C-alpha atoms as a PDB file:
ATOM      1  CA  MET A   1       4.658  54.538   0.069  1.00  0.00           C
ATOM      2  CA  PHE A   2       3.802  56.032   3.463  1.00  0.00           C
ATOM      3  CA  GLU A   3       6.909  56.389   5.604  1.00  0.00           C
ATOM      4  CA  PHE A   4       6.712  56.917   9.337  1.00  0.00           C
ATOM      5  CA  LYS A   5       9.533  59.006  10.859  1.00  0.00           C
ATOM      6  CA  LEU A   6      10.079  59.465  14.549  1.00  0.00           C
ATOM      7  CA  PRO A   7      10.665  63.035  15.704  1.00  0.00           C
ATOM      8  CA  ILE A   8      14.229  63.884  16.738  1.00  0.00           C
ATOM      9  CA  SER A   9      13.164  64.309  20.385  1.00  0.00           C
ATOM     10  CA  SER A  10      12.161  60.625  20.608  1.00  0.00           C
ATOM     11  CA  PHE A  11      15.745  59.595  19.846  1.00  0.00           C
ATOM     12  CA  LEU A  12      17.067  61.901  22.568  1.00  0.00           C
ATOM     13  CA  ARG A  13      14.738  60.219  25.119  1.00  0.00           C
ATOM     14  CA  LYS A  14      15.585  56.656  24.045  1.00  0.00           C
ATOM     15  CA  GLN A  15      18.134  56.105  26.826  1.00  0.00           C
ATOM     16  CA  GLU A  16      15.714  57.413  29.454  1.00  0.00           C
ATOM     17  CA  PHE A  17      12.996  54.966  28.304  1.00  0.00           C
ATOM     18  CA  SER A  18      15.483  52.095  28.334  1.00  0.00           C
ATOM     19  CA  ASP A  19      16.570  52.908  31.895  1.00  0.00           C
ATOM     20  CA  PHE A  20      12.998  52.934  33.053  1.00  0.00           C
ATOM     21  CA  ALA A  21      12.312  49.559  31.490  1.00  0.00           C
ATOM     22  CA  PHE A  22      15.230  47.866  33.203  1.00  0.00           C
ATOM     23  CA  LYS A  23      14.676  49.516  36.586  1.00  0.00           C
ATOM     24  CA  ASP A  24      11.067  48.352  36.803  1.00  0.00           C
ATOM     25  CA  LYS A  25      11.652  44.632  36.172  1.00  0.00           C
ATOM     26  CA  SER A  26       8.334  43.666  37.741  1.00  0.00           C
ATOM     27  CA  HIS A  27       6.574  44.545  34.485  1.00  0.00           C
ATOM     28  CA  TRP A  28       8.359  41.639  32.735  1.00  0.00           C
ATOM     29  CA  ILE A  29       7.467  38.950  35.279  1.00  0.00           C
ATOM     30  CA  PRO A  30       3.860  38.325  34.116  1.00  0.00           C
ATOM     31  CA  ILE A  31       5.038  38.055  30.516  1.00  0.00           C
ATOM     32  CA  ILE A  32       7.732  35.499  31.380  1.00  0.00           C
ATOM     33  CA  MET A  33       5.303  33.546  33.549  1.00  0.00           C
ATOM     34  CA  GLY A  34       2.774  33.518  30.699  1.00  0.00           C
ATOM     35  CA  MET A  35       5.345  32.196  28.250  1.00  0.00           C
ATOM     36  CA  THR A  36       6.334  29.467  30.708  1.00  0.00           C
ATOM     37  CA  ALA A  37       2.707  28.439  31.152  1.00  0.00           C
ATOM     38  CA  LEU A  38       2.320  28.311  27.389  1.00  0.00           C
ATOM     39  CA  LEU A  39       5.344  26.036  27.008  1.00  0.00           C
ATOM     40  CA  ILE A  40       4.062  23.757  29.762  1.00  0.00           C
ATOM     41  CA  SER A  41       0.646  23.514  28.092  1.00  0.00           C
ATOM     42  CA  ILE A  42       2.280  22.673  24.747  1.00  0.00           C
ATOM     43  CA  ASN A  43       4.351  19.911  26.359  1.00  0.00           C
ATOM     44  CA  THR A  44       1.265  18.386  27.973  1.00  0.00           C
ATOM     45  CA  LEU A  45      -0.261  17.945  24.534  1.00  0.00           C
ATOM     46  CA  ALA A  46       2.267  15.163  23.951  1.00  0.00           C
ATOM     47  CA  LEU A  47       0.159  12.982  26.269  1.00  0.00           C
ATOM     48  CA  GLU A  48      -2.913  11.831  24.367  1.00  0.00           C
ATOM     49  CA  THR A  49      -5.971  10.039  25.680  1.00  0.00           C
ATOM     50  CA  PRO A  50      -7.567   7.519  23.296  1.00  0.00           C
ATOM     51  CA  HIS A  51     -10.774   8.780  21.701  1.00  0.00           C
ATOM     52  CA  THR A  52     -14.110   7.260  22.663  1.00  0.00           C
ATOM     53  CA  GLY A  53     -15.993   5.119  20.169  1.00  0.00           C
ATOM     54  CA  LYS A  54     -19.317   6.048  18.572  1.00  0.00           C
ATOM     55  CA  LEU A  55     -21.235   3.032  19.884  1.00  0.00           C
ATOM     56  CA  ASP A  56     -19.656   2.557  23.311  1.00  0.00           C
ATOM     57  CA  LYS A  57     -17.384   5.068  25.007  1.00  0.00           C
ATOM     58  CA  ARG A  58     -15.492   2.282  26.734  1.00  0.00           C
ATOM     59  CA  VAL A  59     -14.153   1.069  23.357  1.00  0.00           C
ATOM     60  CA  ARG A  60     -11.555   3.576  22.220  1.00  0.00           C
ATOM     61  CA  HIS A  61      -9.177   4.237  19.353  1.00  0.00           C
ATOM     62  CA  ILE A  62      -6.090   6.334  18.735  1.00  0.00           C
ATOM     63  CA  ASN A  63      -3.898   7.150  15.747  1.00  0.00           C
ATOM     64  CA  TYR A  64      -0.356   5.849  16.088  1.00  0.00           C
ATOM     65  CA  GLN A  65       2.440   8.408  16.360  1.00  0.00           C
ATOM     66  CA  SER A  66       5.943   7.285  17.223  1.00  0.00           C
ATOM     67  CA  GLU A  67       6.661  10.294  19.480  1.00  0.00           C
ATOM     68  CA  GLN A  68       3.329  10.196  21.285  1.00  0.00           C
ATOM     69  CA  VAL A  69       2.722   9.050  24.869  1.00  0.00           C
ATOM     70  CA  VAL A  70      -0.672   7.383  25.289  1.00  0.00           C
ATOM     71  CA  LYS A  71      -2.615   7.803  28.517  1.00  0.00           C
ATOM     72  CA  LEU A  72      -4.156   4.533  29.715  1.00  0.00           C
ATOM     73  CA  VAL A  73      -6.482   4.608  32.722  1.00  0.00           C
ATOM     74  CA  GLY A  74      -7.078   1.217  34.326  1.00  0.00           C
ATOM     75  CA  HIS A  75      -9.701   0.193  36.851  1.00  0.00           C
ATOM     76  CA  TYR A  76      -9.185  -2.373  39.577  1.00  0.00           C
ATOM     77  CA  GLY A  77     -11.036  -5.542  38.718  1.00  0.00           C
ATOM     78  CA  PHE A  78     -11.197  -4.715  34.989  1.00  0.00           C
ATOM     79  CA  SER A  79      -8.812  -5.447  32.117  1.00  0.00           C
ATOM     80  CA  THR A  80      -8.026  -3.425  29.003  1.00  0.00           C
ATOM     81  CA  ASP A  81      -7.333  -4.891  25.561  1.00  0.00           C
ATOM     82  CA  ILE A  82      -4.702  -2.971  23.561  1.00  0.00           C
ATOM     83  CA  ALA A  83      -4.910  -3.944  19.880  1.00  0.00           C
ATOM     84  CA  PHE A  84      -2.104  -3.203  17.411  1.00  0.00           C
ATOM     85  CA  ALA A  85      -2.119  -3.700  13.628  1.00  0.00           C
ATOM     86  CA  GLN A  86      -3.064  -7.048  12.129  1.00  0.00           C
ATOM     87  CA  GLY A  87       0.080  -9.140  11.717  1.00  0.00           C
ATOM     88  CA  GLU A  88       2.095  -6.945  14.075  1.00  0.00           C
ATOM     89  CA  ARG A  89       4.226  -9.013  16.437  1.00  0.00           C
ATOM     90  CA  ILE A  90       5.017  -7.973  20.015  1.00  0.00           C
ATOM     91  CA  LYS A  91       8.753  -8.322  20.655  1.00  0.00           C
ATOM     92  CA  GLN A  92       9.223  -6.845  24.110  1.00  0.00           C
ATOM     93  CA  ILE A  93       7.278  -5.116  26.889  1.00  0.00           C
ATOM     94  CA  ALA A  94       9.118  -2.972  29.432  1.00  0.00           C
ATOM     95  CA  MET A  95       7.266  -1.923  32.588  1.00  0.00           C
ATOM     96  CA  GLY A  96       8.345   0.759  35.046  1.00  0.00           C
ATOM     97  CA  ASP A  97       6.646  -1.180  37.858  1.00  0.00           C
ATOM     98  CA  SER A  98       5.974  -4.747  36.727  1.00  0.00           C
ATOM     99  CA  ASP A  99       4.457  -5.744  40.094  1.00  0.00           C
ATOM    100  CA  ALA A 100       1.664  -3.170  39.882  1.00  0.00           C
ATOM    101  CA  TRP A 101       0.184  -4.445  36.610  1.00  0.00           C
ATOM    102  CA  SER A 102      -0.715  -7.771  35.032  1.00  0.00           C
ATOM    103  CA  VAL A 103       0.333  -7.828  31.363  1.00  0.00           C
ATOM    104  CA  THR A 104      -0.481 -10.662  28.933  1.00  0.00           C
ATOM    105  CA  PRO A 105       0.541 -10.417  25.239  1.00  0.00           C
ATOM    106  CA  VAL A 106      -1.504 -12.500  22.770  1.00  0.00           C
ATOM    107  CA  ALA A 107      -0.734 -12.220  19.034  1.00  0.00           C
ATOM    108  CA  ASN A 108      -1.095  -8.482  18.243  1.00  0.00           C
ATOM    109  CA  HIS A 109      -2.953  -7.765  21.499  1.00  0.00           C
ATOM    110  CA  ILE A 110      -1.924  -6.903  25.053  1.00  0.00           C
ATOM    111  CA  PHE A 111      -4.326  -7.533  27.937  1.00  0.00           C
ATOM    112  CA  ILE A 112      -3.453  -5.339  30.879  1.00  0.00           C
ATOM    113  CA  LYS A 113      -5.036  -4.714  34.289  1.00  0.00           C
ATOM    114  CA  PRO A 114      -3.901  -3.003  37.507  1.00  0.00           C
ATOM    115  CA  LYS A 115      -3.084  -5.101  40.591  1.00  0.00           C
ATOM    116  CA  ASP A 116      -1.601  -2.883  43.317  1.00  0.00           C
ATOM    117  CA  LYS A 117      -2.777   0.399  44.734  1.00  0.00           C
ATOM    118  CA  GLY A 118      -0.995   3.404  43.339  1.00  0.00           C
ATOM    119  CA  ALA A 119      -0.400   1.639  40.034  1.00  0.00           C
ATOM    120  CA  ILE A 120       1.097   4.697  38.378  1.00  0.00           C
ATOM    121  CA  THR A 121       3.968   3.856  36.034  1.00  0.00           C
ATOM    122  CA  ASN A 122       4.920   3.697  32.375  1.00  0.00           C
ATOM    123  CA  MET A 123       5.059   0.948  29.764  1.00  0.00           C
ATOM    124  CA  THR A 124       7.029   0.696  26.521  1.00  0.00           C
ATOM    125  CA  VAL A 125       6.102  -1.846  23.853  1.00  0.00           C
ATOM    126  CA  LEU A 126       8.383  -2.834  20.966  1.00  0.00           C
ATOM    127  CA  THR A 127       6.769  -4.521  17.965  1.00  0.00           C
ATOM    128  CA  ALA A 128       7.730  -5.781  14.526  1.00  0.00           C
ATOM    129  CA  TYR A 129       5.697  -5.920  11.324  1.00  0.00           C
ATOM    130  CA  THR A 130       6.313  -6.581   7.637  1.00  0.00           C
ATOM    131  CA  LYS A 131       7.743  -3.124   6.890  1.00  0.00           C
ATOM    132  CA  GLY A 132       9.823  -2.590  10.032  1.00  0.00           C
ATOM    133  CA  SER A 133       9.244  -1.950  13.722  1.00  0.00           C
ATOM    134  CA  ARG A 134       7.274   0.351  16.008  1.00  0.00           C
ATOM    135  CA  VAL A 135       7.658   1.745  19.531  1.00  0.00           C
ATOM    136  CA  TYR A 136       4.660   2.511  21.750  1.00  0.00           C
ATOM    137  CA  ASN A 137       4.852   4.516  24.992  1.00  0.00           C
ATOM    138  CA  PHE A 138       2.128   4.500  27.650  1.00  0.00           C
ATOM    139  CA  GLU A 139       1.511   6.388  30.872  1.00  0.00           C
ATOM    140  CA  LEU A 140      -0.428   4.065  33.198  1.00  0.00           C
ATOM    141  CA  SER A 141      -2.668   5.017  36.101  1.00  0.00           C
ATOM    142  CA  ALA A 142      -5.572   3.295  37.860  1.00  0.00           C
ATOM    143  CA  HIS A 143      -8.432   3.820  40.303  1.00  0.00           C
ATOM    144  CA  TRP A 144     -11.533   2.051  41.557  1.00  0.00           C
ATOM    145  CA  SER A 145     -14.701   2.210  39.496  1.00  0.00           C
ATOM    146  CA  GLN A 146     -17.430   4.306  41.126  1.00  0.00           C
ATOM    147  CA  HIS A 147     -20.332   2.643  39.295  1.00  0.00           C
ATOM    148  CA  ASP A 148     -19.167  -0.896  38.526  1.00  0.00           C
ATOM    149  CA  ALA A 149     -18.561  -1.206  34.778  1.00  0.00           C
ATOM    150  CA  HIS A 150     -20.039   2.254  34.160  1.00  0.00           C
ATOM    151  CA  PRO A 151     -17.765   4.621  36.094  1.00  0.00           C
ATOM    152  CA  PHE A 152     -18.293   8.308  36.521  1.00  0.00           C
ATOM    153  CA  PRO A 153     -16.530  10.164  35.093  1.00  0.00           C
ATOM    154  CA  ASN A 154     -16.597   7.845  32.114  1.00  0.00           C
ATOM    155  CA  ASP A 155     -12.866   7.042  31.767  1.00  0.00           C
ATOM    156  CA  MET A 156     -13.291   3.271  31.605  1.00  0.00           C
ATOM    157  CA  MET A 157     -11.208   1.694  28.828  1.00  0.00           C
ATOM    158  CA  PHE A 158     -12.294  -1.814  27.874  1.00  0.00           C
ATOM    159  CA  ALA A 159     -10.366  -1.679  24.587  1.00  0.00           C
ATOM    160  CA  ILE A 160      -7.866   0.594  22.842  1.00  0.00           C
ATOM    161  CA  ASP A 161      -7.506   0.098  19.097  1.00  0.00           C
ATOM    162  CA  PHE A 162      -4.476   1.643  17.375  1.00  0.00           C
ATOM    163  CA  ARG A 163      -5.038   3.001  13.902  1.00  0.00           C
ATOM    164  CA  TYR A 164      -2.451   3.874  11.262  1.00  0.00           C
ATOM    165  CA  PRO A 165      -3.773   6.571   8.899  1.00  0.00           C
ATOM    166  CA  ALA A 166      -0.412   7.168   7.159  1.00  0.00           C
ATOM    167  CA  GLU A 167       0.062   3.475   6.386  1.00  0.00           C
ATOM    168  CA  GLN A 168      -3.587   3.108   5.413  1.00  0.00           C
ATOM    169  CA  LYS A 169      -3.319   6.046   3.025  1.00  0.00           C
ATOM    170  CA  LEU A 170      -0.249   4.481   1.402  1.00  0.00           C
ATOM    171  CA  ALA A 171      -1.991   1.096   1.205  1.00  0.00           C
ATOM    172  CA  ASN A 172      -4.996   2.735  -0.470  1.00  0.00           C
ATOM    173  CA  VAL A 173      -2.728   4.373  -3.039  1.00  0.00           C
ATOM    174  CA  GLU A 174      -0.973   1.061  -3.749  1.00  0.00           C
ATOM    175  CA  LEU A 175      -4.311  -0.742  -4.039  1.00  0.00           C
ATOM    176  CA  HIS A 176      -5.601   1.922  -6.418  1.00  0.00           C
ATOM    177  CA  GLU A 177      -2.492   1.619  -8.602  1.00  0.00           C
ATOM    178  CA  LYS A 178      -2.809  -2.177  -8.591  1.00  0.00           C
ATOM    179  CA  GLN A 179      -6.451  -1.969  -9.641  1.00  0.00           C
ATOM    180  CA  LEU A 180      -5.581   0.458 -12.449  1.00  0.00           C
ATOM    181  CA  LEU A 181      -2.837  -1.878 -13.662  1.00  0.00           C
ATOM    182  CA  GLN A 182      -5.217  -4.854 -13.555  1.00  0.00           C
ATOM    183  CA  GLN A 183      -7.743  -2.879 -15.577  1.00  0.00           C
ATOM    184  CA  GLN A 184      -5.051  -2.143 -18.150  1.00  0.00           C
ATOM    185  CA  LEU A 185      -4.040  -5.802 -18.279  1.00  0.00           C
ATOM    186  CA  ASN A 186      -7.661  -6.882 -18.699  1.00  0.00           C
ATOM    187  CA  ARG A 187      -8.400  -4.255 -21.277  1.00  0.00           C
ATOM    188  CA  THR A 188      -8.789  -5.565 -24.789  1.00  0.00           C
ATOM    189  CA  GLN A 189      -6.073  -4.118 -26.982  1.00  0.00           C
ATOM    190  CA  ALA A 190      -6.106  -4.710 -30.695  1.00  0.00           C
ATOM    191  CA  PRO A 191      -2.751  -6.085 -31.924  1.00  0.00           C
ATOM    192  CA  LYS A 192      -0.593  -3.809 -34.047  1.00  0.00           C
ATOM    193  CA  VAL A 193      -0.059  -5.182 -37.524  1.00  0.00           C
ATOM    194  CA  ALA A 194       3.650  -5.385 -38.359  1.00  0.00           C
ATOM    195  CA  ASN A 195       3.592  -7.867 -41.237  1.00  0.00           C
ATOM    196  CA  GLN A 196       0.743  -9.025 -43.513  1.00  0.00           C
ATOM    197  CA  ALA A 197       2.884 -10.756 -46.125  1.00  0.00           C
ATOM    198  CA  TYR A 198       1.269 -14.199 -45.744  1.00  0.00           C
ATOM    199  CA  PHE A 199      -0.187 -16.665 -48.258  1.00  0.00           C
ATOM    200  CA  TYR A 200      -1.499 -20.208 -48.023  1.00  0.00           C
ATOM    201  CA  LYS A 201      -1.630 -23.416 -50.032  1.00  0.00           C
ATOM    202  CA  GLY A 202      -3.892 -26.397 -49.472  1.00  0.00           C
ATOM    203  CA  ASP A 203      -7.490 -27.064 -48.518  1.00  0.00           C
ATOM    204  CA  ASP A 204      -9.590 -23.905 -48.747  1.00  0.00           C
ATOM    205  CA  SER A 205     -12.105 -25.169 -46.145  1.00  0.00           C
ATOM    206  CA  ILE A 206      -9.597 -24.829 -43.282  1.00  0.00           C
ATOM    207  CA  ALA A 207      -7.547 -21.914 -44.602  1.00  0.00           C
ATOM    208  CA  PRO A 208      -7.690 -18.620 -42.629  1.00  0.00           C
ATOM    209  CA  THR A 209      -9.409 -15.580 -44.059  1.00  0.00           C
ATOM    210  CA  LYS A 210      -6.725 -13.303 -42.645  1.00  0.00           C
ATOM    211  CA  ALA A 211      -3.144 -13.722 -41.391  1.00  0.00           C
ATOM    212  CA  PHE A 212      -0.664 -11.241 -39.922  1.00  0.00           C
ATOM    213  CA  ASP A 213       1.834 -10.830 -37.067  1.00  0.00           C
ATOM    214  CA  ASP A 214       2.880  -8.022 -34.724  1.00  0.00           C
ATOM    215  CA  GLY A 215       6.531  -9.050 -34.503  1.00  0.00           C
ATOM    216  CA  ARG A 216       5.827 -11.250 -31.459  1.00  0.00           C
ATOM    217  CA  PHE A 217       2.714 -13.308 -32.179  1.00  0.00           C
ATOM    218  CA  THR A 218       0.994 -14.594 -35.327  1.00  0.00           C
ATOM    219  CA  TYR A 219      -2.758 -14.088 -35.769  1.00  0.00           C
ATOM    220  CA  LEU A 220      -4.925 -16.337 -37.958  1.00  0.00           C
ATOM    221  CA  THR A 221      -8.581 -15.352 -38.423  1.00  0.00           C
ATOM    222  CA  PHE A 222     -11.107 -17.914 -39.663  1.00  0.00           C
ATOM    223  CA  ASN A 223     -14.649 -17.941 -40.942  1.00  0.00           C
ATOM    224  CA  ARG A 224     -17.010 -18.063 -37.980  1.00  0.00           C
ATOM    225  CA  LYS A 225     -18.898 -21.017 -39.494  1.00  0.00           C
ATOM    226  CA  GLN A 226     -15.860 -23.279 -39.781  1.00  0.00           C
ATOM    227  CA  ASP A 227     -14.226 -25.372 -37.050  1.00  0.00           C
ATOM    228  CA  LEU A 228     -10.793 -24.214 -35.904  1.00  0.00           C
ATOM    229  CA  PRO A 229      -7.980 -26.527 -37.007  1.00  0.00           C
ATOM    230  CA  ALA A 230      -4.967 -27.792 -35.068  1.00  0.00           C
ATOM    231  CA  ILE A 231      -1.855 -25.710 -35.799  1.00  0.00           C
ATOM    232  CA  TYR A 232       1.746 -26.915 -36.068  1.00  0.00           C
ATOM    233  CA  ILE A 233       5.032 -25.189 -36.835  1.00  0.00           C
ATOM    234  CA  VAL A 234       7.465 -26.572 -39.375  1.00  0.00           C
ATOM    235  CA  ASN A 235      10.941 -27.052 -37.909  1.00  0.00           C
ATOM    236  CA  SER A 236      14.223 -26.628 -39.761  1.00  0.00           C
ATOM    237  CA  ASP A 237      14.349 -30.406 -40.419  1.00  0.00           C
ATOM    238  CA  ASN A 238      10.809 -30.254 -41.886  1.00  0.00           C
ATOM    239  CA  SER A 239       9.324 -32.001 -38.840  1.00  0.00           C
ATOM    240  CA  GLU A 240       6.156 -30.619 -37.272  1.00  0.00           C
ATOM    241  CA  SER A 241       5.589 -29.518 -33.658  1.00  0.00           C
ATOM    242  CA  LEU A 242       2.543 -28.263 -31.834  1.00  0.00           C
ATOM    243  CA  VAL A 243       2.854 -24.612 -30.918  1.00  0.00           C
ATOM    244  CA  ASN A 244       1.394 -22.679 -27.973  1.00  0.00           C
ATOM    245  CA  SER A 245      -1.737 -20.901 -29.083  1.00  0.00           C
ATOM    246  CA  ASN A 246      -4.885 -19.427 -27.581  1.00  0.00           C
ATOM    247  CA  VAL A 247      -8.159 -17.794 -28.538  1.00  0.00           C
ATOM    248  CA  ASN A 248      -8.950 -14.419 -27.003  1.00  0.00           C
ATOM    249  CA  PRO A 249     -12.625 -14.353 -25.915  1.00  0.00           C
ATOM    250  CA  ASN A 250     -12.897 -10.887 -27.440  1.00  0.00           C
ATOM    251  CA  TYR A 251     -11.711 -12.299 -30.795  1.00  0.00           C
ATOM    252  CA  PRO A 252     -13.318 -15.762 -30.856  1.00  0.00           C
ATOM    253  CA  ASP A 253     -12.554 -16.313 -34.552  1.00  0.00           C
ATOM    254  CA  THR A 254      -8.821 -15.624 -34.257  1.00  0.00           C
ATOM    255  CA  ILE A 255      -6.140 -18.065 -33.127  1.00  0.00           C
ATOM    256  CA  ILE A 256      -3.122 -16.356 -31.565  1.00  0.00           C
ATOM    257  CA  ILE A 257       0.110 -18.312 -32.106  1.00  0.00           C
ATOM    258  CA  GLU A 258       2.777 -17.302 -29.601  1.00  0.00           C
ATOM    259  CA  ARG A 259       5.530 -17.339 -32.209  1.00  0.00           C
ATOM    260  CA  VAL A 260       6.465 -15.749 -35.505  1.00  0.00           C
ATOM    261  CA  VAL A 261       7.625 -18.518 -37.826  1.00  0.00           C
ATOM    262  CA  LYS A 262       8.329 -19.146 -41.489  1.00  0.00           C
ATOM    263  CA  GLN A 263       5.661 -21.790 -42.033  1.00  0.00           C
ATOM    264  CA  LEU A 264       2.575 -23.139 -40.237  1.00  0.00           C
ATOM    265  CA  VAL A 265       0.664 -26.328 -40.966  1.00  0.00           C
ATOM    266  CA  LEU A 266      -3.079 -26.466 -40.324  1.00  0.00           C
ATOM    267  CA  ARG A 267      -4.703 -29.894 -39.952  1.00  0.00           C
ATOM    268  CA  GLN A 268      -8.270 -31.028 -39.468  1.00  0.00           C
ATOM    269  CA  GLY A 269      -8.899 -34.710 -40.128  1.00  0.00           C
ATOM    270  CA  ASN A 270      -7.550 -35.440 -43.596  1.00  0.00           C
ATOM    271  CA  ARG A 271      -7.591 -31.810 -44.621  1.00  0.00           C
ATOM    272  CA  VAL A 272      -4.294 -29.884 -44.663  1.00  0.00           C
ATOM    273  CA  ALA A 273      -3.300 -26.295 -45.420  1.00  0.00           C
ATOM    274  CA  CYS A 274       0.038 -24.472 -45.103  1.00  0.00           C
ATOM    275  CA  VAL A 275       0.487 -20.798 -44.238  1.00  0.00           C
ATOM    276  CA  PHE A 276       3.729 -19.116 -45.301  1.00  0.00           C
ATOM    277  CA  ASN A 277       5.366 -15.958 -43.941  1.00  0.00           C
ATOM    278  CA  ILE A 278       6.967 -14.339 -46.981  1.00  0.00           C
ATOM    279  CA  ASP A 279       8.937 -11.697 -45.046  1.00  0.00           C
ATOM    280  CA  PHE A 280      10.164 -14.018 -42.305  1.00  0.00           C
ATOM    281  CA  ALA A 281      13.840 -13.694 -43.299  1.00  0.00           C
ATOM    282  CA  THR A 282      13.835  -9.884 -43.306  1.00  0.00           C
ATOM    283  CA  GLU A 283      11.290  -9.188 -40.573  1.00  0.00           C
ATOM    284  CA  GLN A 284      12.576  -7.584 -37.387  1.00  0.00           C
ATOM    285  CA  SER A 285      11.268  -9.203 -34.209  1.00  0.00           C
ATOM    286  CA  ALA A 286       9.579  -7.105 -31.551  1.00  0.00           C
ATOM    287  CA  ASP A 287      11.384  -6.534 -28.268  1.00  0.00           C
ATOM    288  CA  TYR A 288      10.129  -9.115 -25.762  1.00  0.00           C
ATOM    289  CA  GLN A 289      11.291  -6.934 -22.850  1.00  0.00           C
ATOM    290  CA  THR A 290       8.692  -4.268 -23.541  1.00  0.00           C
ATOM    291  CA  SER A 291       4.952  -4.040 -23.110  1.00  0.00           C
ATOM    292  CA  ASN A 292       2.250  -2.191 -24.958  1.00  0.00           C
ATOM    293  CA  ILE A 293       0.960  -0.901 -21.588  1.00  0.00           C
ATOM    294  CA  PRO A 294       2.651   2.356 -20.443  1.00  0.00           C
ATOM    295  CA  HIS A 295       4.957   2.059 -17.406  1.00  0.00           C
ATOM    296  CA  VAL A 296       4.728  -1.766 -17.484  1.00  0.00           C
ATOM    297  CA  VAL A 297       7.866  -3.827 -18.148  1.00  0.00           C
ATOM    298  CA  ARG A 298       7.458  -7.239 -19.725  1.00  0.00           C
ATOM    299  CA  HIS A 299       9.323 -10.075 -17.964  1.00  0.00           C
ATOM    300  CA  VAL A 300      10.121 -13.292 -19.788  1.00  0.00           C
ATOM    301  CA  ILE A 301      10.000 -16.193 -17.319  1.00  0.00           C
ATOM    302  CA  LYS A 302      12.590 -18.860 -17.999  1.00  0.00           C
ATOM    303  CA  LYS A 303      12.647 -22.400 -16.750  1.00  0.00           C
ATOM    304  CA  GLY A 304      13.541 -22.520 -13.065  1.00  0.00           C
ATOM    305  CA  GLY A 305      11.452 -19.462 -12.208  1.00  0.00           C
ATOM    306  CA  LYS A 306      14.073 -16.835 -13.138  1.00  0.00           C
ATOM    307  CA  SER A 307      13.189 -13.911 -15.317  1.00  0.00           C
ATOM    308  CA  ASP A 308      15.057 -11.586 -17.644  1.00  0.00           C
ATOM    309  CA  GLU A 309      14.271  -7.919 -17.095  1.00  0.00           C
END
């Protein structure tokens, strides 16, 4: 590595150079003044003028920042509409000089226009929305329009629309995740066979061609040419009860019974068939608190609207 070494004589003259620097203080003044000007210019960036629209420069927009001061230029005889987020509620408006401006809040809008000459002041607006609250700070000034509704320079502000890119980005992410979840829920997923130990007795014309369960539901598949029978469960006292069942459009020949039981009775007119679950006594039920979709928790809704997690 290249190493730079100062000659010994430069160390001996170090004190002399230092004395010269402190004696001639005028050399430091421009530097200090430049730094001060830089700091002032940085501070002025905190005041932001709303950006002009693409179609009409009098309709403006600005991204919301909690620590930003927004410059609003009013014109005598003209009003400005300040629009906040949809559903945002205006709680309080504080004016530095309330006599110099007319301020009318309506829903998530504020209509403001200058009244007195020298209408230079500030305005603070407190709002509330579903996720919390916001604070808006404005610097207000006004002058007469030079060309009616088309002033020159073009600083007329008919409308100022606040935008919220951070919240919108989060909302887009949440919407995307919701759409992905809905796609997963709508996706056809073949049931996992846990038990196929089934047999039947009775009328062959209404008997299923296939029977199995996945530990949660029972699946009975029938010949496509035959009509689907009504299905009952056999209770412990040998009585019969209708059971919740459905047919998945993707499996039109299969009846899904939302139970795993020991015996089912199939009826169609005078025809009867019974389906028996041989392994019912030893079969382990699936966990109802889980889902076959990753990162999705199944909730069982009880009567009264409460759910077990």
